[in-house]
C-alpha atoms as a PDB file:
ATOM      1  CA  UNK A   1      67.360 141.064  96.513  1.00  0.00           C
ATOM      2  CA  UNK A   2      64.080 141.435  94.607  1.00  0.00           C
ATOM      3  CA  UNK A   3      60.660 142.944  95.233  1.00  0.00           C
ATOM      4  CA  UNK A   4      57.352 141.177  94.725  1.00  0.00           C
ATOM      5  CA  UNK A   5      54.252 142.786  93.215  1.00  0.00           C
ATOM      6  CA  UNK A   6      53.050 143.876  96.643  1.00  0.00           C
ATOM      7  CA  UNK A   7      56.469 145.544  97.184  1.00  0.00           C
ATOM      8  CA  UNK A   8      57.718 143.059  99.771  1.00  0.00           C
ATOM      9  CA  UNK A   9      61.474 142.477  99.828  1.00  0.00           C
ATOM     10  CA  UNK A  10      62.593 138.955  98.964  1.00  0.00           C
ATOM     11  CA  UNK A  11      66.197 137.842  99.562  1.00  0.00           C
ATOM     12  CA  UNK A  12      67.226 135.015  97.251  1.00  0.00           C
ATOM     13  CA  UNK A  13      69.764 132.368  98.358  1.00  0.00           C
ATOM     14  CA  UNK A  14      70.125 134.045 101.737  1.00  0.00           C
ATOM     15  CA  UNK A  15      69.226 133.079 105.288  1.00  0.00           C
ATOM     16  CA  UNK A  16      67.789 136.146 106.971  1.00  0.00           C
ATOM     17  CA  UNK A  17      65.970 135.602 110.252  1.00  0.00           C
ATOM     18  CA  UNK A  18      62.441 136.963 110.370  1.00  0.00           C
ATOM     19  CA  UNK A  19      63.289 139.233 113.320  1.00  0.00           C
ATOM     20  CA  UNK A  20      66.275 140.842 111.598  1.00  0.00           C
ATOM     21  CA  UNK A  21      65.762 144.411 110.355  1.00  0.00           C
ATOM     22  CA  UNK A  22      67.343 144.804 106.928  1.00  0.00           C
ATOM     23  CA  UNK A  23      66.787 148.108 105.114  1.00  0.00           C
ATOM     24  CA  UNK A  24      65.523 147.629 101.553  1.00  0.00           C
ATOM     25  CA  UNK A  25      68.388 149.766 100.295  1.00  0.00           C
ATOM     26  CA  UNK A  26      71.067 147.495 101.767  1.00  0.00           C
ATOM     27  CA  UNK A  27      73.008 145.342  99.296  1.00  0.00           C
ATOM     28  CA  UNK A  28      73.182 141.754 100.510  1.00  0.00           C
ATOM     29  CA  UNK A  29      75.360 139.219  98.670  1.00  0.00           C
ATOM     30  CA  UNK A  30      74.635 135.599  97.864  1.00  0.00           C
ATOM     31  CA  UNK A  31      74.759 133.073 100.680  1.00  0.00           C
ATOM     32  CA  UNK A  32      74.736 135.714 103.415  1.00  0.00           C
ATOM     33  CA  UNK A  33      73.307 134.679 106.800  1.00  0.00           C
ATOM     34  CA  UNK A  34      71.802 137.286 109.119  1.00  0.00           C
ATOM     35  CA  UNK A  35      70.745 136.196 112.601  1.00  0.00           C
ATOM     36  CA  UNK A  36      67.900 137.201 114.915  1.00  0.00           C
ATOM     37  CA  UNK A  37      67.470 140.865 115.800  1.00  0.00           C
ATOM     38  CA  UNK A  38      70.401 142.024 113.693  1.00  0.00           C
ATOM     39  CA  UNK A  39      70.038 145.513 112.186  1.00  0.00           C
ATOM     40  CA  UNK A  40      71.435 146.337 108.739  1.00  0.00           C
ATOM     41  CA  UNK A  41      71.290 149.966 107.611  1.00  0.00           C
ATOM     42  CA  UNK A  42      70.374 151.542 104.278  1.00  0.00           C
ATOM     43  CA  UNK A  43      73.893 152.160 102.933  1.00  0.00           C
ATOM     44  CA  UNK A  44      75.441 148.854 103.981  1.00  0.00           C
ATOM     45  CA  UNK A  45      76.952 146.371 101.506  1.00  0.00           C
ATOM     46  CA  UNK A  46      77.634 142.798 102.614  1.00  0.00           C
ATOM     47  CA  UNK A  47      79.622 140.409 100.424  1.00  0.00           C
ATOM     48  CA  UNK A  48      78.829 136.810  99.581  1.00  0.00           C
ATOM     49  CA  UNK A  49      78.779 134.122 102.293  1.00  0.00           C
ATOM     50  CA  UNK A  50      79.330 136.520 105.165  1.00  0.00           C
ATOM     51  CA  UNK A  51      77.653 135.367 108.377  1.00  0.00           C
ATOM     52  CA  UNK A  52      76.158 137.885 110.784  1.00  0.00           C
ATOM     53  CA  UNK A  53      75.094 136.563 114.177  1.00  0.00           C
ATOM     54  CA  UNK A  54      72.259 137.806 116.448  1.00  0.00           C
ATOM     55  CA  UNK A  55      72.049 141.412 117.631  1.00  0.00           C
ATOM     56  CA  UNK A  56      74.785 142.702 115.345  1.00  0.00           C
ATOM     57  CA  UNK A  57      74.271 146.322 114.249  1.00  0.00           C
ATOM     58  CA  UNK A  58      75.806 147.499 110.960  1.00  0.00           C
ATOM     59  CA  UNK A  59      75.130 151.105 109.983  1.00  0.00           C
ATOM     60  CA  UNK A  60      76.463 153.970 107.880  1.00  0.00           C
ATOM     61  CA  UNK A  61      78.307 153.765 104.578  1.00  0.00           C
ATOM     62  CA  UNK A  62      79.828 150.398 105.396  1.00  0.00           C
ATOM     63  CA  UNK A  63      81.128 147.885 102.870  1.00  0.00           C
ATOM     64  CA  UNK A  64      81.954 144.365 104.050  1.00  0.00           C
ATOM     65  CA  UNK A  65      83.584 141.774 101.808  1.00  0.00           C
ATOM     66  CA  UNK A  66      83.141 138.033 101.412  1.00  0.00           C
ATOM     67  CA  UNK A  67      83.325 135.147 103.872  1.00  0.00           C
ATOM     68  CA  UNK A  68      83.452 137.251 107.015  1.00  0.00           C
ATOM     69  CA  UNK A  69      81.988 136.113 110.315  1.00  0.00           C
ATOM     70  CA  UNK A  70      80.656 138.763 112.693  1.00  0.00           C
ATOM     71  CA  UNK A  71      79.651 137.497 116.121  1.00  0.00           C
ATOM     72  CA  UNK A  72      76.758 138.589 118.292  1.00  0.00           C
ATOM     73  CA  UNK A  73      76.554 142.105 119.627  1.00  0.00           C
ATOM     74  CA  UNK A  74      79.212 143.646 117.399  1.00  0.00           C
ATOM     75  CA  UNK A  75      78.611 147.270 116.373  1.00  0.00           C
ATOM     76  CA  UNK A  76      79.987 148.095 112.942  1.00  0.00           C
ATOM     77  CA  UNK A  77      80.022 151.388 111.027  1.00  0.00           C
ATOM     78  CA  UNK A  78      78.585 153.711 113.646  1.00  0.00           C
ATOM     79  CA  UNK A  79      79.498 157.397 113.816  1.00  0.00           C
ATOM     80  CA  UNK A  80      83.024 158.151 115.073  1.00  0.00           C
ATOM     81  CA  UNK A  81      83.608 159.208 118.659  1.00  0.00           C
ATOM     82  CA  UNK A  82      85.207 162.494 117.648  1.00  0.00           C
ATOM     83  CA  UNK A  83      84.009 165.913 118.779  1.00  0.00           C
ATOM     84  CA  UNK A  84      85.006 167.356 115.397  1.00  0.00           C
ATOM     85  CA  UNK A  85      82.560 165.051 113.612  1.00  0.00           C
ATOM     86  CA  UNK A  86      79.318 166.770 112.614  1.00  0.00           C
ATOM     87  CA  UNK A  87      77.442 164.107 110.708  1.00  0.00           C
ATOM     88  CA  UNK A  88      79.327 164.285 107.418  1.00  0.00           C
ATOM     89  CA  UNK A  89      79.327 161.311 105.080  1.00  0.00           C
ATOM     90  CA  UNK A  90      82.168 158.937 105.925  1.00  0.00           C
ATOM     91  CA  UNK A  91      83.011 155.314 105.264  1.00  0.00           C
ATOM     92  CA  UNK A  92      84.114 151.962 106.629  1.00  0.00           C
ATOM     93  CA  UNK A  93      85.556 149.216 104.438  1.00  0.00           C
ATOM     94  CA  UNK A  94      86.197 145.666 105.649  1.00  0.00           C
ATOM     95  CA  UNK A  95      87.810 143.086 103.375  1.00  0.00           C
ATOM     96  CA  UNK A  96      87.394 139.304 103.117  1.00  0.00           C
ATOM     97  CA  UNK A  97      87.718 136.363 105.509  1.00  0.00           C
ATOM     98  CA  UNK A  98      87.767 138.391 108.704  1.00  0.00           C
ATOM     99  CA  UNK A  99      86.503 137.189 112.073  1.00  0.00           C
ATOM    100  CA  UNK A 100      85.006 139.892 114.307  1.00  0.00           C
ATOM    101  CA  UNK A 101      84.076 138.567 117.720  1.00  0.00           C
ATOM    102  CA  UNK A 102      81.453 139.496 120.295  1.00  0.00           C
ATOM    103  CA  UNK A 103      80.786 143.161 121.078  1.00  0.00           C
ATOM    104  CA  UNK A 104      83.656 144.529 119.012  1.00  0.00           C
ATOM    105  CA  UNK A 105      83.134 148.124 117.827  1.00  0.00           C
ATOM    106  CA  UNK A 106      84.453 149.526 114.551  1.00  0.00           C
ATOM    107  CA  UNK A 107      83.707 153.140 113.585  1.00  0.00           C
ATOM    108  CA  UNK A 108      83.634 155.045 110.314  1.00  0.00           C
ATOM    109  CA  UNK A 109      86.185 157.691 109.340  1.00  0.00           C
ATOM    110  CA  UNK A 110      86.201 161.470 109.710  1.00  0.00           C
ATOM    111  CA  UNK A 111      86.848 164.296 107.292  1.00  0.00           C
ATOM    112  CA  UNK A 112      90.191 165.053 108.946  1.00  0.00           C
ATOM    113  CA  UNK A 113      91.363 161.468 108.420  1.00  0.00           C
ATOM    114  CA  UNK A 114      90.263 161.186 104.805  1.00  0.00           C
ATOM    115  CA  UNK A 115      86.803 159.912 105.667  1.00  0.00           C
ATOM    116  CA  UNK A 116      87.698 156.214 105.723  1.00  0.00           C
ATOM    117  CA  UNK A 117      88.358 153.491 108.263  1.00  0.00           C
ATOM    118  CA  UNK A 118      89.750 150.438 106.468  1.00  0.00           C
ATOM    119  CA  UNK A 119      90.395 146.826 107.474  1.00  0.00           C
ATOM    120  CA  UNK A 120      92.047 144.297 105.158  1.00  0.00           C
ATOM    121  CA  UNK A 121      91.703 140.517 104.885  1.00  0.00           C
ATOM    122  CA  UNK A 122      92.082 137.479 107.150  1.00  0.00           C
ATOM    123  CA  UNK A 123      92.141 139.401 110.419  1.00  0.00           C
ATOM    124  CA  UNK A 124      91.005 138.182 113.837  1.00  0.00           C
ATOM    125  CA  UNK A 125      89.444 140.919 115.968  1.00  0.00           C
ATOM    126  CA  UNK A 126      88.515 139.362 119.298  1.00  0.00           C
ATOM    127  CA  UNK A 127      85.754 140.233 121.756  1.00  0.00           C
ATOM    128  CA  UNK A 128      85.354 143.805 123.018  1.00  0.00           C
ATOM    129  CA  UNK A 129      88.026 145.242 120.725  1.00  0.00           C
ATOM    130  CA  UNK A 130      87.630 148.812 119.498  1.00  0.00           C
ATOM    131  CA  UNK A 131      88.821 150.169 116.157  1.00  0.00           C
ATOM    132  CA  UNK A 132      88.333 153.934 116.157  1.00  0.00           C
ATOM    133  CA  UNK A 133      87.786 156.363 113.296  1.00  0.00           C
ATOM    134  CA  UNK A 134      90.277 156.544 110.428  1.00  0.00           C
ATOM    135  CA  UNK A 135      92.291 153.499 111.498  1.00  0.00           C
ATOM    136  CA  UNK A 136      93.991 151.560 108.721  1.00  0.00           C
ATOM    137  CA  UNK A 137      94.530 147.839 109.315  1.00  0.00           C
ATOM    138  CA  UNK A 138      96.340 145.489 106.959  1.00  0.00           C
ATOM    139  CA  UNK A 139      96.004 141.712 106.643  1.00  0.00           C
ATOM    140  CA  UNK A 140      96.447 138.736 109.009  1.00  0.00           C
ATOM    141  CA  UNK A 141      96.391 140.888 112.150  1.00  0.00           C
ATOM    142  CA  UNK A 142      95.427 139.405 115.524  1.00  0.00           C
ATOM    143  CA  UNK A 143      93.826 141.766 118.041  1.00  0.00           C
ATOM    144  CA  UNK A 144      93.315 139.903 121.321  1.00  0.00           C
ATOM    145  CA  UNK A 145      90.419 140.605 123.656  1.00  0.00           C
ATOM    146  CA  UNK A 146      89.699 144.253 124.552  1.00  0.00           C
ATOM    147  CA  UNK A 147      92.487 145.817 122.470  1.00  0.00           C
ATOM    148  CA  UNK A 148      91.710 149.492 121.856  1.00  0.00           C
ATOM    149  CA  UNK A 149      92.953 151.484 118.870  1.00  0.00           C
ATOM    150  CA  UNK A 150      92.507 155.253 119.076  1.00  0.00           C
ATOM    151  CA  UNK A 151      91.830 157.326 115.968  1.00  0.00           C
ATOM    152  CA  UNK A 152      94.152 157.345 112.943  1.00  0.00           C
ATOM    153  CA  UNK A 153      96.172 154.301 114.077  1.00  0.00           C
ATOM    154  CA  UNK A 154      97.918 152.240 111.373  1.00  0.00           C
ATOM    155  CA  UNK A 155      98.488 148.520 111.959  1.00  0.00           C
ATOM    156  CA  UNK A 156     100.558 146.713 109.343  1.00  0.00           C
ATOM    157  CA  UNK A 157     100.290 143.108 108.173  1.00  0.00           C
ATOM    158  CA  UNK A 158     100.690 140.176 110.573  1.00  0.00           C
ATOM    159  CA  UNK A 159     101.002 142.263 113.737  1.00  0.00           C
ATOM    160  CA  UNK A 160      99.810 140.710 117.012  1.00  0.00           C
ATOM    161  CA  UNK A 161      98.306 142.888 119.755  1.00  0.00           C
ATOM    162  CA  UNK A 162      97.960 141.350 123.217  1.00  0.00           C
ATOM    163  CA  UNK A 163      94.795 141.589 125.265  1.00  0.00           C
ATOM    164  CA  UNK A 164      93.873 144.937 126.851  1.00  0.00           C
ATOM    165  CA  UNK A 165      96.611 146.799 124.963  1.00  0.00           C
ATOM    166  CA  UNK A 166      95.865 150.423 124.117  1.00  0.00           C
ATOM    167  CA  UNK A 167      97.367 152.277 121.155  1.00  0.00           C
ATOM    168  CA  UNK A 168      97.576 156.093 121.117  1.00  0.00           C
ATOM    169  CA  UNK A 169      96.054 158.079 118.250  1.00  0.00           C
ATOM    170  CA  UNK A 170      98.251 158.480 115.143  1.00  0.00           C
ATOM    171  CA  UNK A 171     100.633 155.738 116.300  1.00  0.00           C
ATOM    172  CA  UNK A 172     101.784 153.010 113.905  1.00  0.00           C
ATOM    173  CA  UNK A 173     102.260 149.314 114.581  1.00  0.00           C
ATOM    174  CA  UNK A 174     104.757 147.723 112.202  1.00  0.00           C
ATOM    175  CA  UNK A 175     104.397 144.443 110.334  1.00  0.00           C
ATOM    176  CA  UNK A 176     105.104 141.195 112.190  1.00  0.00           C
ATOM    177  CA  UNK A 177     105.533 143.103 115.454  1.00  0.00           C
ATOM    178  CA  UNK A 178     103.966 142.075 118.756  1.00  0.00           C
ATOM    179  CA  UNK A 179     102.519 144.164 121.582  1.00  0.00           C
ATOM    180  CA  UNK A 180     102.383 142.535 125.025  1.00  0.00           C
ATOM    181  CA  UNK A 181      99.144 142.292 126.973  1.00  0.00           C
ATOM    182  CA  UNK A 182      97.939 145.426 128.793  1.00  0.00           C
ATOM    183  CA  UNK A 183     100.654 147.571 127.198  1.00  0.00           C
ATOM    184  CA  UNK A 184     100.289 151.333 126.733  1.00  0.00           C
ATOM    185  CA  UNK A 185     101.592 152.205 123.261  1.00  0.00           C
ATOM    186  CA  UNK A 186     102.233 155.939 122.813  1.00  0.00           C
ATOM    187  CA  UNK A 187     104.871 155.800 120.053  1.00  0.00           C
ATOM    188  CA  UNK A 188     105.397 153.775 116.876  1.00  0.00           C
ATOM    189  CA  UNK A 189     106.192 150.067 117.180  1.00  0.00           C
ATOM    190  CA  UNK A 190     108.849 149.212 114.565  1.00  0.00           C
ATOM    191  CA  UNK A 191     108.333 146.151 112.347  1.00  0.00           C
ATOM    192  CA  UNK A 192     109.441 142.756 113.717  1.00  0.00           C
ATOM    193  CA  UNK A 193     109.892 144.139 117.262  1.00  0.00           C
ATOM    194  CA  UNK A 194     108.321 142.887 120.502  1.00  0.00           C
ATOM    195  CA  UNK A 195     107.217 145.645 122.896  1.00  0.00           C
ATOM    196  CA  UNK A 196     105.700 145.439 126.341  1.00  0.00           C
ATOM    197  CA  UNK A 197     105.013 147.642 129.328  1.00  0.00           C
ATOM    198  CA  UNK A 198     103.380 150.852 130.500  1.00  0.00           C
ATOM    199  CA  UNK A 199     104.520 152.726 128.465  1.00  0.00           C
ATOM    200  CA  UNK A 200     105.564 150.029 126.003  1.00  0.00           C
ATOM    201  CA  UNK A 201     109.303 149.518 125.529  1.00  0.00           C
ATOM    202  CA  UNK A 202     111.235 147.343 123.095  1.00  0.00           C
ATOM    203  CA  UNK A 203     112.047 143.906 124.513  1.00  0.00           C
ATOM    204  CA  UNK A 204     113.638 142.248 121.488  1.00  0.00           C
ATOM    205  CA  UNK A 205     112.766 140.754 118.126  1.00  0.00           C
ATOM    206  CA  UNK A 206     109.432 138.971 117.633  1.00  0.00           C
ATOM    207  CA  UNK A 207     111.189 135.690 116.803  1.00  0.00           C
ATOM    208  CA  UNK A 208     108.060 133.547 117.087  1.00  0.00           C
ATOM    209  CA  UNK A 209     106.171 135.855 114.737  1.00  0.00           C
ATOM    210  CA  UNK A 210     108.998 135.835 112.198  1.00  0.00           C
ATOM    211  CA  UNK A 211     109.103 132.039 112.229  1.00  0.00           C
ATOM    212  CA  UNK A 212     105.343 131.756 111.864  1.00  0.00           C
ATOM    213  CA  UNK A 213     105.505 134.041 108.849  1.00  0.00           C
ATOM    214  CA  UNK A 214     108.123 131.871 107.187  1.00  0.00           C
ATOM    215  CA  UNK A 215     111.058 134.281 107.504  1.00  0.00           C
ATOM    216  CA  UNK A 216     114.286 132.379 106.841  1.00  0.00           C
ATOM    217  CA  UNK A 217     117.097 132.107 109.448  1.00  0.00           C
ATOM    218  CA  UNK A 218     119.314 134.270 107.235  1.00  0.00           C
ATOM    219  CA  UNK A 219     116.774 137.086 107.107  1.00  0.00           C
ATOM    220  CA  UNK A 220     116.093 136.741 110.843  1.00  0.00           C
ATOM    221  CA  UNK A 221     119.802 137.285 111.442  1.00  0.00           C
ATOM    222  CA  UNK A 222     119.663 140.460 109.327  1.00  0.00           C
ATOM    223  CA  UNK A 223     116.703 141.711 111.378  1.00  0.00           C
ATOM    224  CA  UNK A 224     118.573 140.965 114.623  1.00  0.00           C
ATOM    225  CA  UNK A 225     121.539 142.976 113.348  1.00  0.00           C
ATOM    226  CA  UNK A 226     119.228 145.869 112.494  1.00  0.00           C
ATOM    227  CA  UNK A 227     117.685 145.688 115.966  1.00  0.00           C
ATOM    228  CA  UNK A 228     121.113 145.796 117.625  1.00  0.00           C
ATOM    229  CA  UNK A 229     122.103 148.868 115.644  1.00  0.00           C
ATOM    230  CA  UNK A 230     118.862 150.613 116.558  1.00  0.00           C
ATOM    231  CA  UNK A 231     118.627 149.653 120.235  1.00  0.00           C
ATOM    232  CA  UNK A 232     122.044 148.477 121.450  1.00  0.00           C
ATOM    233  CA  UNK A 233     124.603 150.746 119.789  1.00  0.00           C
ATOM    234  CA  UNK A 234     123.995 154.076 121.574  1.00  0.00           C
ATOM    235  CA  UNK A 235     123.241 155.649 118.186  1.00  0.00           C
ATOM    236  CA  UNK A 236     120.284 157.947 117.597  1.00  0.00           C
ATOM    237  CA  UNK A 237     117.709 156.910 114.999  1.00  0.00           C
ATOM    238  CA  UNK A 238     119.296 158.874 112.157  1.00  0.00           C
ATOM    239  CA  UNK A 239     122.733 157.470 112.921  1.00  0.00           C
ATOM    240  CA  UNK A 240     121.364 153.921 113.200  1.00  0.00           C
ATOM    241  CA  UNK A 241     119.629 154.254 109.833  1.00  0.00           C
ATOM    242  CA  UNK A 242     122.869 155.435 108.240  1.00  0.00           C
ATOM    243  CA  UNK A 243     124.766 152.528 109.803  1.00  0.00           C
ATOM    244  CA  UNK A 244     122.175 150.031 108.554  1.00  0.00           C
ATOM    245  CA  UNK A 245     122.457 151.431 105.047  1.00  0.00           C
ATOM    246  CA  UNK A 246     126.207 150.920 105.180  1.00  0.00           C
ATOM    247  CA  UNK A 247     126.432 147.525 106.878  1.00  0.00           C
ATOM    248  CA  UNK A 248     123.311 145.488 106.089  1.00  0.00           C
ATOM    249  CA  UNK A 249     122.498 143.699 102.847  1.00  0.00           C
ATOM    250  CA  UNK A 250     119.540 145.155 100.988  1.00  0.00           C
ATOM    251  CA  UNK A 251     116.360 143.047 101.066  1.00  0.00           C
ATOM    252  CA  UNK A 252     112.635 143.863 101.249  1.00  0.00           C
ATOM    253  CA  UNK A 253     112.391 143.313 105.027  1.00  0.00           C
ATOM    254  CA  UNK A 254     115.296 145.612 105.880  1.00  0.00           C
ATOM    255  CA  UNK A 255     114.134 148.182 103.344  1.00  0.00           C
ATOM    256  CA  UNK A 256     110.700 148.223 104.976  1.00  0.00           C
ATOM    257  CA  UNK A 257     112.298 148.549 108.419  1.00  0.00           C
ATOM    258  CA  UNK A 258     114.326 151.567 107.287  1.00  0.00           C
ATOM    259  CA  UNK A 259     111.345 153.161 105.531  1.00  0.00           C
ATOM    260  CA  UNK A 260     109.252 152.772 108.687  1.00  0.00           C
ATOM    261  CA  UNK A 261     111.943 154.419 110.837  1.00  0.00           C
ATOM    262  CA  UNK A 262     112.374 157.335 108.425  1.00  0.00           C
ATOM    263  CA  UNK A 263     108.615 158.038 108.640  1.00  0.00           C
ATOM    264  CA  UNK A 264     108.354 157.775 112.449  1.00  0.00           C
ATOM    265  CA  UNK A 265     106.837 161.165 113.252  1.00  0.00           C
ATOM    266  CA  UNK A 266     105.864 160.222 116.829  1.00  0.00           C
ATOM    267  CA  UNK A 267     109.175 158.569 117.617  1.00  0.00           C
ATOM    268  CA  UNK A 268     109.515 154.853 118.338  1.00  0.00           C
ATOM    269  CA  UNK A 269     109.089 152.668 121.401  1.00  0.00           C
ATOM    270  CA  UNK A 270     112.519 152.512 123.047  1.00  0.00           C
END
C-alpha cells in the first residue's frame, strides 16, 4: 500500500472493489482480493493472495494469513460476546489456506482467556458457524454448517464436527475425533473417538477419520484396544490409564490419548 501526493491510498497488485471500505492503517498483502462492500478495519492484517468476498466485515486486532478464502457476509474479529469484556485490546489470529464460508462469525479473545482466539491452517469452517472468544483451533478441522463453539473451546487437529453441533465452554475436542450432527457436547471428546447424541456419548472409534489420516492398521488396533480399556472394561479413567500404560505399546498416538485423558478437567463423553 502506498500514498500518492494528494494522500490517496493506492493498493499495488491487489484487486479491491471501489465500494469496499479499507482503512488506511490496514496491512494488505500482495495479490489480495477484496469484494464489494467489504469493510476492513484499522488494525487488520491480511496475508498474500487471500480472497475476501462481498459484505465481509473484518475488525479489531485481527491477523489473517495467506491463501485464505472468506465468503460473503462473514464477520471476523468483532468484540467477544462476554459480559466480562469491557473493550480491552484483544486479538484474533487465523493461519493459512483456510476456507470460511458464508455468515460465519469468529470473535477476538478476552483478558481471562489470554486475549487471543487462534485458528490454524487448512481448516474448513462452513456457513453460519460460530467460533467464540478464546477458542483455539488446530489444523485440518472441518466444522459443518451451523456448528457453534462456546468460549475457550479447544479443537485439535483433523477433528470433524457435524452440522448444528454445539460445544460447551472450556470443553476440548481431541484430534481425529468426530462429533455427530446436532450433538450437545458438554464434556471433552477424547482423540480418535466418535461421539453423538444429546448429550453426546461415545459410540466407538472414528475409523473413517483414522483411515483418511493415514493411520496404519496396526496403530488402529492399538487405538481400539485403548478404547476398550476406557469404555468397555468397567474401569474408571485413572484405572484405565494405568492399564493402558501397562498393556499397550508406546507410540505417539497412544501417548497423546493418555495425555489428553490425564488433562480432562471437565470429564469425558461417556
